[in-house]
Amino acid sequence: MLLTIQSADVPAVADDQRVRLEDLGQGFYRLTALYGYMETPNVPRIMNLAAKWGLPVEPTKTSFYLGREPF
């Protein structure tokens, strides 16, 4: 799974609008989470929302790598 967290031009984003899931094939998924400029991203919460979309996530078997693009 590739997770991208994007900032929105609104103060807050509703949970039903927060995540988008795209099947990239061969077992890869792109999960995009949208957060308002007044919100702090919460990765465990994103994973719980992804599970509701049918993406199986096992936190104890998941590795996380953080990358940041310069402005």
PDB file of N, CA and C in Angstrom:
ATOM      1  N   MET A   1       0.831  -1.159   0.000  1.00  0.00           N
ATOM      2  CA  MET A   1       0.000   0.000   0.000  1.00  0.00           C
ATOM      3  C   MET A   1       0.886   1.237   0.000  1.00  0.00           C
ATOM      4  N   LEU A   2       0.531   2.177  -0.830  1.00  0.00           N
ATOM      5  CA  LEU A   2       1.189   3.476  -0.860  1.00  0.00           C
ATOM      6  C   LEU A   2       0.201   4.485  -0.295  1.00  0.00           C
ATOM      7  N   LEU A   3       0.601   5.172   0.761  1.00  0.00           N
ATOM      8  CA  LEU A   3      -0.270   6.145   1.407  1.00  0.00           C
ATOM      9  C   LEU A   3       0.223   7.552   1.086  1.00  0.00           C
ATOM     10  N   THR A   4      -0.691   8.381   0.599  1.00  0.00           N
ATOM     11  CA  THR A   4      -0.408   9.784   0.344  1.00  0.00           C
ATOM     12  C   THR A   4      -1.348  10.609   1.198  1.00  0.00           C
ATOM     13  N   ILE A   5      -0.805  11.552   1.948  1.00  0.00           N
ATOM     14  CA  ILE A   5      -1.625  12.460   2.743  1.00  0.00           C
ATOM     15  C   ILE A   5      -1.568  13.826   2.080  1.00  0.00           C
ATOM     16  N   GLN A   6      -2.740  14.340   1.719  1.00  0.00           N
ATOM     17  CA  GLN A   6      -2.823  15.625   1.037  1.00  0.00           C
ATOM     18  C   GLN A   6      -3.550  16.635   1.916  1.00  0.00           C
ATOM     19  N   SER A   7      -3.179  17.890   1.760  1.00  0.00           N
ATOM     20  CA  SER A   7      -3.812  18.978   2.490  1.00  0.00           C
ATOM     21  C   SER A   7      -4.894  19.605   1.614  1.00  0.00           C
ATOM     22  N   ALA A   8      -6.041  19.883   2.224  1.00  0.00           N
ATOM     23  CA  ALA A   8      -7.162  20.502   1.508  1.00  0.00           C
ATOM     24  C   ALA A   8      -7.200  21.996   1.786  1.00  0.00           C
ATOM     25  N   ASP A   9      -7.933  22.724   0.974  1.00  0.00           N
ATOM     26  CA  ASP A   9      -8.080  24.174   1.132  1.00  0.00           C
ATOM     27  C   ASP A   9      -9.238  24.545   2.052  1.00  0.00           C
ATOM     28  N   VAL A  10      -9.684  23.601   2.858  1.00  0.00           N
ATOM     29  CA  VAL A  10     -10.773  23.823   3.811  1.00  0.00           C
ATOM     30  C   VAL A  10     -10.260  23.483   5.207  1.00  0.00           C
ATOM     31  N   PRO A  11     -10.898  24.006   6.265  1.00  0.00           N
ATOM     32  CA  PRO A  11     -10.409  23.737   7.623  1.00  0.00           C
ATOM     33  C   PRO A  11     -10.494  22.270   8.032  1.00  0.00           C
ATOM     34  N   ALA A  12     -11.559  21.580   7.608  1.00  0.00           N
ATOM     35  CA  ALA A  12     -11.742  20.179   8.019  1.00  0.00           C
ATOM     36  C   ALA A  12     -12.390  19.393   6.894  1.00  0.00           C
ATOM     37  N   VAL A  13     -12.109  18.086   6.871  1.00  0.00           N
ATOM     38  CA  VAL A  13     -12.667  17.180   5.864  1.00  0.00           C
ATOM     39  C   VAL A  13     -13.472  16.114   6.608  1.00  0.00           C
ATOM     40  N   ALA A  14     -14.683  15.843   6.145  1.00  0.00           N
ATOM     41  CA  ALA A  14     -15.523  14.814   6.755  1.00  0.00           C
ATOM     42  C   ALA A  14     -14.929  13.432   6.501  1.00  0.00           C
ATOM     43  N   ASP A  15     -15.146  12.507   7.442  1.00  0.00           N
ATOM     44  CA  ASP A  15     -14.595  11.155   7.309  1.00  0.00           C
ATOM     45  C   ASP A  15     -15.046  10.464   6.024  1.00  0.00           C
ATOM     46  N   ASP A  16     -16.284  10.712   5.586  1.00  0.00           N
ATOM     47  CA  ASP A  16     -16.760  10.050   4.368  1.00  0.00           C
ATOM     48  C   ASP A  16     -16.095  10.600   3.108  1.00  0.00           C
ATOM     49  N   GLN A  17     -15.356  11.701   3.238  1.00  0.00           N
ATOM     50  CA  GLN A  17     -14.605  12.283   2.128  1.00  0.00           C
ATOM     51  C   GLN A  17     -13.091  12.150   2.312  1.00  0.00           C
ATOM     52  N   ARG A  18     -12.670  11.546   3.428  1.00  0.00           N
ATOM     53  CA  ARG A  18     -11.262  11.554   3.827  1.00  0.00           C
ATOM     54  C   ARG A  18     -10.372  10.654   2.972  1.00  0.00           C
ATOM     55  N   VAL A  19     -10.803   9.439   2.646  1.00  0.00           N
ATOM     56  CA  VAL A  19      -9.902   8.503   1.963  1.00  0.00           C
ATOM     57  C   VAL A  19     -10.436   8.091   0.595  1.00  0.00           C
ATOM     58  N   ARG A  20      -9.487   7.858  -0.312  1.00  0.00           N
ATOM     59  CA  ARG A  20      -9.762   7.281  -1.632  1.00  0.00           C
ATOM     60  C   ARG A  20      -8.828   6.092  -1.794  1.00  0.00           C
ATOM     61  N   LEU A  21      -9.337   5.019  -2.312  1.00  0.00           N
ATOM     62  CA  LEU A  21      -8.555   3.800  -2.496  1.00  0.00           C
ATOM     63  C   LEU A  21      -8.520   3.449  -3.971  1.00  0.00           C
ATOM     64  N   GLU A  22      -7.322   3.204  -4.479  1.00  0.00           N
ATOM     65  CA  GLU A  22      -7.142   2.854  -5.888  1.00  0.00           C
ATOM     66  C   GLU A  22      -6.345   1.550  -5.974  1.00  0.00           C
ATOM     67  N   ASP A  23      -6.891   0.562  -6.671  1.00  0.00           N
ATOM     68  CA  ASP A  23      -6.208  -0.713  -6.875  1.00  0.00           C
ATOM     69  C   ASP A  23      -5.228  -0.540  -8.035  1.00  0.00           C
ATOM     70  N   LEU A  24      -3.939  -0.681  -7.758  1.00  0.00           N
ATOM     71  CA  LEU A  24      -2.901  -0.528  -8.780  1.00  0.00           C
ATOM     72  C   LEU A  24      -2.548  -1.850  -9.447  1.00  0.00           C
ATOM     73  N   GLY A  25      -3.141  -2.945  -8.963  1.00  0.00           N
ATOM     74  CA  GLY A  25      -2.871  -4.262  -9.524  1.00  0.00           C
ATOM     75  C   GLY A  25      -1.711  -4.954  -8.828  1.00  0.00           C
ATOM     76  N   GLN A  26      -1.654  -6.251  -8.986  1.00  0.00           N
ATOM     77  CA  GLN A  26      -0.592  -7.102  -8.440  1.00  0.00           C
ATOM     78  C   GLN A  26      -0.406  -6.916  -6.935  1.00  0.00           C
ATOM     79  N   GLY A  27      -1.509  -6.664  -6.218  1.00  0.00           N
ATOM     80  CA  GLY A  27      -1.461  -6.542  -4.770  1.00  0.00           C
ATOM     81  C   GLY A  27      -1.067  -5.176  -4.243  1.00  0.00           C
ATOM     82  N   PHE A  28      -0.923  -4.189  -5.117  1.00  0.00           N
ATOM     83  CA  PHE A  28      -0.569  -2.828  -4.694  1.00  0.00           C
ATOM     84  C   PHE A  28      -1.806  -1.939  -4.712  1.00  0.00           C
ATOM     85  N   TYR A  29      -1.868  -1.070  -3.705  1.00  0.00           N
ATOM     86  CA  TYR A  29      -2.971  -0.108  -3.592  1.00  0.00           C
ATOM     87  C   TYR A  29      -2.400   1.267  -3.304  1.00  0.00           C
ATOM     88  N   ARG A  30      -3.086   2.296  -3.795  1.00  0.00           N
ATOM     89  CA  ARG A  30      -2.761   3.673  -3.420  1.00  0.00           C
ATOM     90  C   ARG A  30      -3.922   4.171  -2.571  1.00  0.00           C
ATOM     91  N   LEU A  31      -3.601   4.578  -1.367  1.00  0.00           N
ATOM     92  CA  LEU A  31      -4.574   5.131  -0.439  1.00  0.00           C
ATOM     93  C   LEU A  31      -4.244   6.608  -0.282  1.00  0.00           C
ATOM     94  N   THR A  32      -5.201   7.464  -0.621  1.00  0.00           N
ATOM     95  CA  THR A  32      -5.005   8.902  -0.502  1.00  0.00           C
ATOM     96  C   THR A  32      -5.911   9.410   0.610  1.00  0.00           C
ATOM     97  N   ALA A  33      -5.318  10.104   1.582  1.00  0.00           N
ATOM     98  CA  ALA A  33      -6.077  10.664   2.696  1.00  0.00           C
ATOM     99  C   ALA A  33      -6.029  12.184   2.603  1.00  0.00           C
ATOM    100  N   LEU A  34      -7.160  12.804   2.765  1.00  0.00           N
ATOM    101  CA  LEU A  34      -7.288  14.246   2.634  1.00  0.00           C
ATOM    102  C   LEU A  34      -7.574  14.840   4.012  1.00  0.00           C
ATOM    103  N   TYR A  35      -6.785  15.842   4.393  1.00  0.00           N
ATOM    104  CA  TYR A  35      -6.952  16.517   5.679  1.00  0.00           C
ATOM    105  C   TYR A  35      -7.064  18.017   5.457  1.00  0.00           C
ATOM    106  N   GLY A  36      -7.925  18.646   6.247  1.00  0.00           N
ATOM    107  CA  GLY A  36      -8.065  20.087   6.197  1.00  0.00           C
ATOM    108  C   GLY A  36      -6.872  20.767   6.841  1.00  0.00           C
ATOM    109  N   TYR A  37      -6.697  22.054   6.559  1.00  0.00           N
ATOM    110  CA  TYR A  37      -5.521  22.773   7.066  1.00  0.00           C
ATOM    111  C   TYR A  37      -5.541  22.978   8.576  1.00  0.00           C
ATOM    112  N   MET A  38      -6.675  22.751   9.236  1.00  0.00           N
ATOM    113  CA  MET A  38      -6.750  22.858  10.696  1.00  0.00           C
ATOM    114  C   MET A  38      -6.669  21.489  11.372  1.00  0.00           C
ATOM    115  N   GLU A  39      -6.471  20.430  10.613  1.00  0.00           N
ATOM    116  CA  GLU A  39      -6.442  19.072  11.147  1.00  0.00           C
ATOM    117  C   GLU A  39      -5.025  18.518  11.162  1.00  0.00           C
ATOM    118  N   THR A  40      -4.787  17.587  12.060  1.00  0.00           N
ATOM    119  CA  THR A  40      -3.520  16.879  12.125  1.00  0.00           C
ATOM    120  C   THR A  40      -3.731  15.462  11.594  1.00  0.00           C
ATOM    121  N   PRO A  41      -2.970  15.037  10.595  1.00  0.00           N
ATOM    122  CA  PRO A  41      -3.125  13.674  10.071  1.00  0.00           C
ATOM    123  C   PRO A  41      -2.923  12.634  11.170  1.00  0.00           C
ATOM    124  N   ASN A  42      -3.726  11.570  11.097  1.00  0.00           N
ATOM    125  CA  ASN A  42      -3.697  10.498  12.071  1.00  0.00           C
ATOM    126  C   ASN A  42      -3.649   9.173  11.313  1.00  0.00           C
ATOM    127  N   VAL A  43      -2.456   8.590  11.182  1.00  0.00           N
ATOM    128  CA  VAL A  43      -2.276   7.386  10.368  1.00  0.00           C
ATOM    129  C   VAL A  43      -3.082   6.198  10.894  1.00  0.00           C
ATOM    130  N   PRO A  44      -3.106   5.910  12.207  1.00  0.00           N
ATOM    131  CA  PRO A  44      -3.947   4.793  12.655  1.00  0.00           C
ATOM    132  C   PRO A  44      -5.428   4.976  12.286  1.00  0.00           C
ATOM    133  N   ARG A  45      -5.914   6.202  12.362  1.00  0.00           N
ATOM    134  CA  ARG A  45      -7.300   6.466  11.971  1.00  0.00           C
ATOM    135  C   ARG A  45      -7.494   6.243  10.475  1.00  0.00           C
ATOM    136  N   ILE A  46      -6.517   6.646   9.673  1.00  0.00           N
ATOM    137  CA  ILE A  46      -6.577   6.411   8.227  1.00  0.00           C
ATOM    138  C   ILE A  46      -6.638   4.914   7.940  1.00  0.00           C
ATOM    139  N   MET A  47      -5.837   4.127   8.656  1.00  0.00           N
ATOM    140  CA  MET A  47      -5.834   2.677   8.451  1.00  0.00           C
ATOM    141  C   MET A  47      -7.188   2.062   8.815  1.00  0.00           C
ATOM    142  N   ASN A  48      -7.814   2.573   9.880  1.00  0.00           N
ATOM    143  CA  ASN A  48      -9.146   2.081  10.251  1.00  0.00           C
ATOM    144  C   ASN A  48     -10.172   2.416   9.174  1.00  0.00           C
ATOM    145  N   LEU A  49     -10.086   3.614   8.607  1.00  0.00           N
ATOM    146  CA  LEU A  49     -10.992   3.982   7.520  1.00  0.00           C
ATOM    147  C   LEU A  49     -10.738   3.114   6.288  1.00  0.00           C
ATOM    148  N   ALA A  50      -9.477   2.813   6.014  1.00  0.00           N
ATOM    149  CA  ALA A  50      -9.135   1.962   4.868  1.00  0.00           C
ATOM    150  C   ALA A  50      -9.707   0.558   5.051  1.00  0.00           C
ATOM    151  N   ALA A  51      -9.677   0.061   6.278  1.00  0.00           N
ATOM    152  CA  ALA A  51     -10.234  -1.271   6.550  1.00  0.00           C
ATOM    153  C   ALA A  51     -11.729  -1.296   6.244  1.00  0.00           C
ATOM    154  N   LYS A  52     -12.421  -0.183   6.496  1.00  0.00           N
ATOM    155  CA  LYS A  52     -13.846  -0.103   6.190  1.00  0.00           C
ATOM    156  C   LYS A  52     -14.100  -0.144   4.688  1.00  0.00           C
ATOM    157  N   TRP A  53     -13.102   0.274   3.896  1.00  0.00           N
ATOM    158  CA  TRP A  53     -13.199   0.212   2.432  1.00  0.00           C
ATOM    159  C   TRP A  53     -12.813  -1.167   1.906  1.00  0.00           C
ATOM    160  N   GLY A  54     -12.409  -2.065   2.818  1.00  0.00           N
ATOM    161  CA  GLY A  54     -12.084  -3.424   2.404  1.00  0.00           C
ATOM    162  C   GLY A  54     -10.608  -3.698   2.252  1.00  0.00           C
ATOM    163  N   LEU A  55      -9.754  -2.755   2.623  1.00  0.00           N
ATOM    164  CA  LEU A  55      -8.314  -2.973   2.530  1.00  0.00           C
ATOM    165  C   LEU A  55      -7.831  -3.603   3.836  1.00  0.00           C
ATOM    166  N   PRO A  56      -7.389  -4.857   3.787  1.00  0.00           N
ATOM    167  CA  PRO A  56      -6.936  -5.501   5.018  1.00  0.00           C
ATOM    168  C   PRO A  56      -5.586  -4.939   5.466  1.00  0.00           C
ATOM    169  N   VAL A  57      -5.538  -4.459   6.691  1.00  0.00           N
ATOM    170  CA  VAL A  57      -4.313  -3.893   7.244  1.00  0.00           C
ATOM    171  C   VAL A  57      -4.051  -4.540   8.588  1.00  0.00           C
ATOM    172  N   GLU A  58      -2.849  -5.067   8.770  1.00  0.00           N
ATOM    173  CA  GLU A  58      -2.446  -5.636  10.041  1.00  0.00           C
ATOM    174  C   GLU A  58      -1.308  -4.780  10.591  1.00  0.00           C
ATOM    175  N   PRO A  59      -1.601  -3.880  11.543  1.00  0.00           N
ATOM    176  CA  PRO A  59      -0.574  -2.953  12.046  1.00  0.00           C
ATOM    177  C   PRO A  59       0.687  -3.629  12.567  1.00  0.00           C
ATOM    178  N   THR A  60       0.557  -4.811  13.148  1.00  0.00           N
ATOM    179  CA  THR A  60       1.740  -5.491  13.688  1.00  0.00           C
ATOM    180  C   THR A  60       2.612  -6.089  12.593  1.00  0.00           C
ATOM    181  N   LYS A  61       2.090  -6.173  11.375  1.00  0.00           N
ATOM    182  CA  LYS A  61       2.853  -6.740  10.263  1.00  0.00           C
ATOM    183  C   LYS A  61       3.118  -5.701   9.171  1.00  0.00           C
ATOM    184  N   THR A  62       2.990  -4.431   9.525  1.00  0.00           N
ATOM    185  CA  THR A  62       3.131  -3.353   8.551  1.00  0.00           C
ATOM    186  C   THR A  62       4.374  -2.529   8.836  1.00  0.00           C
ATOM    187  N   SER A  63       5.141  -2.255   7.786  1.00  0.00           N
ATOM    188  CA  SER A  63       6.297  -1.362   7.896  1.00  0.00           C
ATOM    189  C   SER A  63       5.909  -0.001   7.345  1.00  0.00           C
ATOM    190  N   PHE A  64       6.373   1.041   8.008  1.00  0.00           N
ATOM    191  CA  PHE A  64       6.060   2.399   7.582  1.00  0.00           C
ATOM    192  C   PHE A  64       7.352   3.111   7.208  1.00  0.00           C
ATOM    193  N   TYR A  65       7.319   3.806   6.088  1.00  0.00           N
ATOM    194  CA  TYR A  65       8.442   4.633   5.644  1.00  0.00           C
ATOM    195  C   TYR A  65       7.884   6.020   5.375  1.00  0.00           C
ATOM    196  N   LEU A  66       8.536   7.004   5.876  1.00  0.00           N
ATOM    197  CA  LEU A  66       8.069   8.375   5.736  1.00  0.00           C
ATOM    198  C   LEU A  66       8.921   9.120   4.728  1.00  0.00           C
ATOM    199  N   GLY A  67       8.271   9.724   3.769  1.00  0.00           N
ATOM    200  CA  GLY A  67       8.953  10.557   2.797  1.00  0.00           C
ATOM    201  C   GLY A  67       8.290  11.912   2.766  1.00  0.00           C
ATOM    202  N   ARG A  68       9.037  12.902   2.471  1.00  0.00           N
ATOM    203  CA  ARG A  68       8.489  14.257   2.436  1.00  0.00           C
ATOM    204  C   ARG A  68       9.025  14.983   1.225  1.00  0.00           C
ATOM    205  N   GLU A  69       8.122  15.608   0.475  1.00  0.00           N
ATOM    206  CA  GLU A  69       8.544  16.373  -0.691  1.00  0.00           C
ATOM    207  C   GLU A  69       8.844  17.804  -0.250  1.00  0.00           C
ATOM    208  N   PRO A  70       9.931  18.375  -0.721  1.00  0.00           N
ATOM    209  CA  PRO A  70      10.219  19.768  -0.380  1.00  0.00           C
ATOM    210  C   PRO A  70       9.226  20.706  -1.054  1.00  0.00           C
ATOM    211  N   PHE A  71       8.998  21.826  -0.433  1.00  0.00           N
ATOM    212  CA  PHE A  71       8.055  22.808  -0.984  1.00  0.00           C
ATOM    213  C   PHE A  71       8.663  23.580  -2.101  1.00  0.00           C
TER     214      PHE A  71
END
